[in-house]
């Protein structure tokens, strides 16, 4: 006989996780129970949660995902910086804090007033929410800004013990009412590509297809590339 409802039953999930059905039910209901990081990891695996939802599960629990290795601050590999520089389309590299740690000339020409400046820190979230020019430069600013926060929450959920993440969020909440509101919604989504439209001050409306990639051996690094499209 076919099941009326697709997916695993509670009993099956509990068995896969190595916990009792009662215990799993309490977790599902949000009761105050003590759950180990390894048990949460087994639940996430059994439910086949996406990367974003898995990160949010651990954020809600206040525990660190045991599958995420401790990251030690280290220089950006020279070959990765060279790769960004040699891409013909606008491209930039984000670290785990969403600071731009490398960008090429096409990106600097596109994001004038931001990536072409000599400031030591170029943070994507700070630019989006705290630079007045961003709201007019990004054609669908309200939707894009809200999604960026959801993507960042999915990312930073993996680094709950990183005090710099906390400092970034607190500073943005203090500096931007829009960020504070979006952060309070607790949305989580994977960072994805898609169409991006910008109103360049001298070149007019520009349309791109954004492609996002992660560096295999440095998973905290994200390569953002913008492929030109006809407007």
C-alpha atoms as a PDB file:
ATOM      1  CA  UNK A   1       0.000   0.000   0.000  1.00  0.00           C
ATOM      2  CA  UNK A   2       1.123   3.533  -0.720  1.00  0.00           C
ATOM      3  CA  UNK A   3       1.582   6.035   2.060  1.00  0.00           C
ATOM      4  CA  UNK A   4      -0.901   8.864   2.203  1.00  0.00           C
ATOM      5  CA  UNK A   5       1.868  11.272   3.230  1.00  0.00           C
ATOM      6  CA  UNK A   6       5.324  11.185   1.600  1.00  0.00           C
ATOM      7  CA  UNK A   7       8.516  11.264   3.653  1.00  0.00           C
ATOM      8  CA  UNK A   8       9.757   9.545   6.778  1.00  0.00           C
ATOM      9  CA  UNK A   9       7.585   8.859   9.803  1.00  0.00           C
ATOM     10  CA  UNK A  10       8.661  10.041  13.238  1.00  0.00           C
ATOM     11  CA  UNK A  11       9.462   6.460  14.181  1.00  0.00           C
ATOM     12  CA  UNK A  12      11.748   6.086  11.168  1.00  0.00           C
ATOM     13  CA  UNK A  13      13.534   9.382  11.797  1.00  0.00           C
ATOM     14  CA  UNK A  14      14.042   8.516  15.454  1.00  0.00           C
ATOM     15  CA  UNK A  15      15.466   5.138  14.478  1.00  0.00           C
ATOM     16  CA  UNK A  16      17.870   6.739  11.984  1.00  0.00           C
ATOM     17  CA  UNK A  17      18.988   9.219  14.641  1.00  0.00           C
ATOM     18  CA  UNK A  18      19.432   6.628  17.367  1.00  0.00           C
ATOM     19  CA  UNK A  19      16.963   8.300  19.745  1.00  0.00           C
ATOM     20  CA  UNK A  20      13.549   7.370  21.107  1.00  0.00           C
ATOM     21  CA  UNK A  21      10.350   8.408  19.356  1.00  0.00           C
ATOM     22  CA  UNK A  22       9.258  10.304  22.467  1.00  0.00           C
ATOM     23  CA  UNK A  23      12.542  12.210  22.600  1.00  0.00           C
ATOM     24  CA  UNK A  24      12.352  13.085  18.903  1.00  0.00           C
ATOM     25  CA  UNK A  25       8.726  14.216  19.305  1.00  0.00           C
ATOM     26  CA  UNK A  26       9.721  16.534  22.147  1.00  0.00           C
ATOM     27  CA  UNK A  27      12.494  18.011  20.004  1.00  0.00           C
ATOM     28  CA  UNK A  28      10.071  18.482  17.113  1.00  0.00           C
ATOM     29  CA  UNK A  29       7.596  20.217  19.420  1.00  0.00           C
ATOM     30  CA  UNK A  30      10.263  22.614  20.675  1.00  0.00           C
ATOM     31  CA  UNK A  31      10.174  21.431  24.265  1.00  0.00           C
ATOM     32  CA  UNK A  32      13.038  22.328  26.570  1.00  0.00           C
ATOM     33  CA  UNK A  33      15.219  19.242  26.262  1.00  0.00           C
ATOM     34  CA  UNK A  34      18.980  18.841  26.149  1.00  0.00           C
ATOM     35  CA  UNK A  35      20.126  17.676  22.726  1.00  0.00           C
ATOM     36  CA  UNK A  36      23.752  17.014  21.880  1.00  0.00           C
ATOM     37  CA  UNK A  37      25.316  18.490  18.722  1.00  0.00           C
ATOM     38  CA  UNK A  38      25.873  14.974  17.363  1.00  0.00           C
ATOM     39  CA  UNK A  39      22.173  14.124  17.812  1.00  0.00           C
ATOM     40  CA  UNK A  40      21.173  17.321  16.008  1.00  0.00           C
ATOM     41  CA  UNK A  41      23.585  16.434  13.212  1.00  0.00           C
ATOM     42  CA  UNK A  42      21.958  13.008  12.843  1.00  0.00           C
ATOM     43  CA  UNK A  43      18.512  14.631  12.714  1.00  0.00           C
ATOM     44  CA  UNK A  44      19.692  17.085  10.040  1.00  0.00           C
ATOM     45  CA  UNK A  45      21.151  14.196   8.035  1.00  0.00           C
ATOM     46  CA  UNK A  46      17.992  12.090   8.380  1.00  0.00           C
ATOM     47  CA  UNK A  47      15.787  14.985   7.254  1.00  0.00           C
ATOM     48  CA  UNK A  48      18.227  15.814   4.436  1.00  0.00           C
ATOM     49  CA  UNK A  49      18.130  19.476   5.395  1.00  0.00           C
ATOM     50  CA  UNK A  50      19.595  21.989   2.988  1.00  0.00           C
ATOM     51  CA  UNK A  51      22.785  23.759   4.005  1.00  0.00           C
ATOM     52  CA  UNK A  52      20.800  26.864   4.984  1.00  0.00           C
ATOM     53  CA  UNK A  53      18.181  24.993   7.030  1.00  0.00           C
ATOM     54  CA  UNK A  54      20.852  22.896   8.726  1.00  0.00           C
ATOM     55  CA  UNK A  55      22.706  26.050   9.767  1.00  0.00           C
ATOM     56  CA  UNK A  56      19.468  27.540  11.087  1.00  0.00           C
ATOM     57  CA  UNK A  57      18.725  24.392  13.109  1.00  0.00           C
ATOM     58  CA  UNK A  58      22.044  24.748  14.908  1.00  0.00           C
ATOM     59  CA  UNK A  59      21.539  28.500  15.339  1.00  0.00           C
ATOM     60  CA  UNK A  60      18.202  27.891  17.049  1.00  0.00           C
ATOM     61  CA  UNK A  61      19.755  25.292  19.334  1.00  0.00           C
ATOM     62  CA  UNK A  62      22.740  27.497  20.172  1.00  0.00           C
ATOM     63  CA  UNK A  63      25.079  24.631  19.361  1.00  0.00           C
ATOM     64  CA  UNK A  64      27.869  24.214  16.843  1.00  0.00           C
ATOM     65  CA  UNK A  65      27.510  21.783  13.958  1.00  0.00           C
ATOM     66  CA  UNK A  66      30.169  19.095  14.526  1.00  0.00           C
ATOM     67  CA  UNK A  67      30.456  18.670  10.764  1.00  0.00           C
ATOM     68  CA  UNK A  68      31.795  22.221  10.389  1.00  0.00           C
ATOM     69  CA  UNK A  69      35.552  22.326  11.052  1.00  0.00           C
ATOM     70  CA  UNK A  70      37.125  25.092  13.110  1.00  0.00           C
ATOM     71  CA  UNK A  71      38.407  27.758  10.762  1.00  0.00           C
ATOM     72  CA  UNK A  72      41.710  29.413  11.473  1.00  0.00           C
ATOM     73  CA  UNK A  73      42.259  32.841   9.954  1.00  0.00           C
ATOM     74  CA  UNK A  74      44.716  32.502   7.102  1.00  0.00           C
ATOM     75  CA  UNK A  75      45.698  34.585   4.081  1.00  0.00           C
ATOM     76  CA  UNK A  76      43.668  34.301   0.900  1.00  0.00           C
ATOM     77  CA  UNK A  77      45.602  31.999  -1.472  1.00  0.00           C
ATOM     78  CA  UNK A  78      47.440  34.009  -4.121  1.00  0.00           C
ATOM     79  CA  UNK A  79      46.117  31.757  -6.875  1.00  0.00           C
ATOM     80  CA  UNK A  80      42.518  32.554  -5.868  1.00  0.00           C
ATOM     81  CA  UNK A  81      43.229  36.292  -5.975  1.00  0.00           C
ATOM     82  CA  UNK A  82      44.862  35.807  -9.389  1.00  0.00           C
ATOM     83  CA  UNK A  83      41.803  33.905 -10.600  1.00  0.00           C
ATOM     84  CA  UNK A  84      39.495  36.759  -9.608  1.00  0.00           C
ATOM     85  CA  UNK A  85      41.759  39.287 -11.337  1.00  0.00           C
ATOM     86  CA  UNK A  86      41.798  37.275 -14.572  1.00  0.00           C
ATOM     87  CA  UNK A  87      38.039  36.839 -14.903  1.00  0.00           C
ATOM     88  CA  UNK A  88      36.783  39.121 -17.681  1.00  0.00           C
ATOM     89  CA  UNK A  89      33.357  39.681 -16.125  1.00  0.00           C
ATOM     90  CA  UNK A  90      32.855  41.629 -12.876  1.00  0.00           C
ATOM     91  CA  UNK A  91      33.884  39.326 -10.025  1.00  0.00           C
ATOM     92  CA  UNK A  92      34.644  39.578  -6.334  1.00  0.00           C
ATOM     93  CA  UNK A  93      35.427  37.241  -3.451  1.00  0.00           C
ATOM     94  CA  UNK A  94      33.632  37.267  -0.078  1.00  0.00           C
ATOM     95  CA  UNK A  95      34.999  35.871   3.171  1.00  0.00           C
ATOM     96  CA  UNK A  96      32.870  34.437   5.975  1.00  0.00           C
ATOM     97  CA  UNK A  97      32.093  37.966   7.229  1.00  0.00           C
ATOM     98  CA  UNK A  98      31.034  39.011   3.732  1.00  0.00           C
ATOM     99  CA  UNK A  99      33.987  41.324   3.408  1.00  0.00           C
ATOM    100  CA  UNK A 100      35.213  41.667  -0.164  1.00  0.00           C
ATOM    101  CA  UNK A 101      38.751  40.289   0.031  1.00  0.00           C
ATOM    102  CA  UNK A 102      39.453  40.401  -3.717  1.00  0.00           C
ATOM    103  CA  UNK A 103      37.839  42.068  -6.719  1.00  0.00           C
ATOM    104  CA  UNK A 104      38.771  42.660 -10.340  1.00  0.00           C
ATOM    105  CA  UNK A 105      38.767  45.850 -12.394  1.00  0.00           C
ATOM    106  CA  UNK A 106      35.383  45.199 -14.081  1.00  0.00           C
ATOM    107  CA  UNK A 107      33.791  44.835 -10.621  1.00  0.00           C
ATOM    108  CA  UNK A 108      35.466  48.019  -9.415  1.00  0.00           C
ATOM    109  CA  UNK A 109      34.190  49.852 -12.502  1.00  0.00           C
ATOM    110  CA  UNK A 110      30.671  48.527 -11.899  1.00  0.00           C
ATOM    111  CA  UNK A 111      30.503  49.224  -8.158  1.00  0.00           C
ATOM    112  CA  UNK A 112      31.844  52.762  -8.271  1.00  0.00           C
ATOM    113  CA  UNK A 113      31.948  54.450  -4.897  1.00  0.00           C
ATOM    114  CA  UNK A 114      32.393  51.081  -3.191  1.00  0.00           C
ATOM    115  CA  UNK A 115      34.807  48.557  -4.682  1.00  0.00           C
ATOM    116  CA  UNK A 116      36.884  51.264  -6.353  1.00  0.00           C
ATOM    117  CA  UNK A 117      37.576  52.952  -3.008  1.00  0.00           C
ATOM    118  CA  UNK A 118      40.721  52.401  -0.946  1.00  0.00           C
ATOM    119  CA  UNK A 119      38.974  51.689   2.364  1.00  0.00           C
ATOM    120  CA  UNK A 120      40.441  48.740   4.245  1.00  0.00           C
ATOM    121  CA  UNK A 121      37.102  46.940   4.768  1.00  0.00           C
ATOM    122  CA  UNK A 122      34.513  46.539   2.021  1.00  0.00           C
ATOM    123  CA  UNK A 123      31.579  44.657   3.533  1.00  0.00           C
ATOM    124  CA  UNK A 124      28.676  43.721   1.265  1.00  0.00           C
ATOM    125  CA  UNK A 125      26.054  44.067   3.995  1.00  0.00           C
ATOM    126  CA  UNK A 126      27.388  47.411   5.221  1.00  0.00           C
ATOM    127  CA  UNK A 127      27.387  48.727   1.649  1.00  0.00           C
ATOM    128  CA  UNK A 128      23.860  47.464   0.953  1.00  0.00           C
ATOM    129  CA  UNK A 129      22.285  48.832   4.132  1.00  0.00           C
ATOM    130  CA  UNK A 130      24.445  51.782   5.158  1.00  0.00           C
ATOM    131  CA  UNK A 131      25.558  53.381   1.884  1.00  0.00           C
ATOM    132  CA  UNK A 132      22.787  55.708   0.628  1.00  0.00           C
ATOM    133  CA  UNK A 133      23.806  55.138  -3.003  1.00  0.00           C
ATOM    134  CA  UNK A 134      23.075  51.393  -2.804  1.00  0.00           C
ATOM    135  CA  UNK A 135      19.297  51.871  -2.656  1.00  0.00           C
ATOM    136  CA  UNK A 136      19.298  53.621  -6.042  1.00  0.00           C
ATOM    137  CA  UNK A 137      22.090  51.547  -7.594  1.00  0.00           C
ATOM    138  CA  UNK A 138      20.375  48.190  -6.934  1.00  0.00           C
ATOM    139  CA  UNK A 139      17.126  48.302  -8.933  1.00  0.00           C
ATOM    140  CA  UNK A 140      15.153  45.946  -6.651  1.00  0.00           C
ATOM    141  CA  UNK A 141      16.920  47.031  -3.475  1.00  0.00           C
ATOM    142  CA  UNK A 142      14.199  46.137  -0.950  1.00  0.00           C
ATOM    143  CA  UNK A 143      13.842  42.525  -2.129  1.00  0.00           C
ATOM    144  CA  UNK A 144      17.565  42.008  -2.669  1.00  0.00           C
ATOM    145  CA  UNK A 145      18.504  43.512   0.695  1.00  0.00           C
ATOM    146  CA  UNK A 146      16.053  41.307   2.572  1.00  0.00           C
ATOM    147  CA  UNK A 147      17.302  38.207   0.774  1.00  0.00           C
ATOM    148  CA  UNK A 148      20.924  39.099   1.520  1.00  0.00           C
ATOM    149  CA  UNK A 149      20.133  39.056   5.231  1.00  0.00           C
ATOM    150  CA  UNK A 150      18.502  35.626   4.929  1.00  0.00           C
ATOM    151  CA  UNK A 151      21.547  34.343   3.031  1.00  0.00           C
ATOM    152  CA  UNK A 152      23.925  35.791   5.607  1.00  0.00           C
ATOM    153  CA  UNK A 153      21.957  34.193   8.451  1.00  0.00           C
ATOM    154  CA  UNK A 154      22.284  30.819   6.725  1.00  0.00           C
ATOM    155  CA  UNK A 155      26.026  31.401   6.392  1.00  0.00           C
ATOM    156  CA  UNK A 156      26.760  32.681   9.882  1.00  0.00           C
ATOM    157  CA  UNK A 157      24.687  29.945  11.493  1.00  0.00           C
ATOM    158  CA  UNK A 158      27.748  27.758  10.993  1.00  0.00           C
ATOM    159  CA  UNK A 159      29.955  30.093  13.040  1.00  0.00           C
ATOM    160  CA  UNK A 160      27.965  30.642  16.225  1.00  0.00           C
ATOM    161  CA  UNK A 161      31.097  30.921  18.355  1.00  0.00           C
ATOM    162  CA  UNK A 162      32.622  33.689  16.214  1.00  0.00           C
ATOM    163  CA  UNK A 163      32.427  36.959  18.153  1.00  0.00           C
ATOM    164  CA  UNK A 164      33.120  38.963  14.999  1.00  0.00           C
ATOM    165  CA  UNK A 165      29.887  37.680  13.440  1.00  0.00           C
ATOM    166  CA  UNK A 166      27.991  38.864  16.515  1.00  0.00           C
ATOM    167  CA  UNK A 167      29.712  42.256  16.350  1.00  0.00           C
ATOM    168  CA  UNK A 168      28.809  42.680  12.668  1.00  0.00           C
ATOM    169  CA  UNK A 169      25.141  41.894  13.306  1.00  0.00           C
ATOM    170  CA  UNK A 170      24.942  44.192  16.340  1.00  0.00           C
ATOM    171  CA  UNK A 171      26.578  47.063  14.467  1.00  0.00           C
ATOM    172  CA  UNK A 172      24.288  46.674  11.449  1.00  0.00           C
ATOM    173  CA  UNK A 173      21.198  46.476  13.671  1.00  0.00           C
ATOM    174  CA  UNK A 174      22.292  49.723  15.309  1.00  0.00           C
ATOM    175  CA  UNK A 175      23.094  51.482  12.028  1.00  0.00           C
ATOM    176  CA  UNK A 176      20.217  50.280   9.830  1.00  0.00           C
ATOM    177  CA  UNK A 177      16.550  49.900  10.747  1.00  0.00           C
ATOM    178  CA  UNK A 178      16.013  47.937   7.526  1.00  0.00           C
ATOM    179  CA  UNK A 179      18.693  45.408   8.474  1.00  0.00           C
ATOM    180  CA  UNK A 180      17.330  45.125  12.020  1.00  0.00           C
ATOM    181  CA  UNK A 181      13.843  44.383  10.689  1.00  0.00           C
ATOM    182  CA  UNK A 182      15.081  41.825   8.150  1.00  0.00           C
ATOM    183  CA  UNK A 183      17.254  40.120  10.790  1.00  0.00           C
ATOM    184  CA  UNK A 184      14.286  39.839  13.156  1.00  0.00           C
ATOM    185  CA  UNK A 185      12.365  37.800  10.556  1.00  0.00           C
ATOM    186  CA  UNK A 186      14.765  34.848  10.977  1.00  0.00           C
ATOM    187  CA  UNK A 187      14.538  33.915   7.280  1.00  0.00           C
ATOM    188  CA  UNK A 188      17.222  31.548   5.971  1.00  0.00           C
ATOM    189  CA  UNK A 189      17.990  30.780   2.316  1.00  0.00           C
ATOM    190  CA  UNK A 190      20.969  29.562   0.352  1.00  0.00           C
ATOM    191  CA  UNK A 191      23.004  32.164  -1.494  1.00  0.00           C
ATOM    192  CA  UNK A 192      22.016  31.774  -5.108  1.00  0.00           C
ATOM    193  CA  UNK A 193      22.518  33.439  -8.443  1.00  0.00           C
ATOM    194  CA  UNK A 194      19.961  34.911 -10.794  1.00  0.00           C
ATOM    195  CA  UNK A 195      19.287  38.137 -12.619  1.00  0.00           C
ATOM    196  CA  UNK A 196      20.724  41.324 -11.160  1.00  0.00           C
ATOM    197  CA  UNK A 197      19.930  44.847 -12.378  1.00  0.00           C
ATOM    198  CA  UNK A 198      21.918  47.937 -11.493  1.00  0.00           C
ATOM    199  CA  UNK A 199      21.439  51.624 -12.272  1.00  0.00           C
ATOM    200  CA  UNK A 200      24.996  52.749 -12.981  1.00  0.00           C
ATOM    201  CA  UNK A 201      25.524  56.522 -12.597  1.00  0.00           C
ATOM    202  CA  UNK A 202      27.171  56.893 -16.024  1.00  0.00           C
ATOM    203  CA  UNK A 203      26.297  53.689 -17.936  1.00  0.00           C
ATOM    204  CA  UNK A 204      22.592  53.515 -17.167  1.00  0.00           C
ATOM    205  CA  UNK A 205      20.630  50.314 -16.533  1.00  0.00           C
ATOM    206  CA  UNK A 206      22.846  47.217 -16.587  1.00  0.00           C
ATOM    207  CA  UNK A 207      21.615  43.624 -16.429  1.00  0.00           C
ATOM    208  CA  UNK A 208      23.673  40.619 -15.305  1.00  0.00           C
ATOM    209  CA  UNK A 209      23.305  36.937 -14.519  1.00  0.00           C
ATOM    210  CA  UNK A 210      24.966  36.305 -11.160  1.00  0.00           C
ATOM    211  CA  UNK A 211      26.843  33.043 -10.600  1.00  0.00           C
ATOM    212  CA  UNK A 212      27.994  32.052  -7.092  1.00  0.00           C
ATOM    213  CA  UNK A 213      30.698  29.475  -6.400  1.00  0.00           C
ATOM    214  CA  UNK A 214      32.454  28.256  -3.245  1.00  0.00           C
ATOM    215  CA  UNK A 215      36.165  27.513  -3.059  1.00  0.00           C
ATOM    216  CA  UNK A 216      36.408  23.777  -2.385  1.00  0.00           C
ATOM    217  CA  UNK A 217      39.301  23.808   0.089  1.00  0.00           C
ATOM    218  CA  UNK A 218      38.196  27.113   1.678  1.00  0.00           C
ATOM    219  CA  UNK A 219      34.421  26.736   1.951  1.00  0.00           C
ATOM    220  CA  UNK A 220      34.024  30.092   3.727  1.00  0.00           C
ATOM    221  CA  UNK A 221      35.125  31.884   0.532  1.00  0.00           C
ATOM    222  CA  UNK A 222      32.439  32.705  -2.034  1.00  0.00           C
ATOM    223  CA  UNK A 223      33.209  33.801  -5.595  1.00  0.00           C
ATOM    224  CA  UNK A 224      30.568  36.099  -7.088  1.00  0.00           C
ATOM    225  CA  UNK A 225      30.635  36.596 -10.869  1.00  0.00           C
ATOM    226  CA  UNK A 226      28.303  38.789 -12.933  1.00  0.00           C
ATOM    227  CA  UNK A 227      27.780  37.772 -16.568  1.00  0.00           C
ATOM    228  CA  UNK A 228      26.459  40.534 -18.808  1.00  0.00           C
ATOM    229  CA  UNK A 229      22.922  40.198 -20.207  1.00  0.00           C
ATOM    230  CA  UNK A 230      20.978  42.310 -22.666  1.00  0.00           C
ATOM    231  CA  UNK A 231      18.675  44.791 -20.913  1.00  0.00           C
END
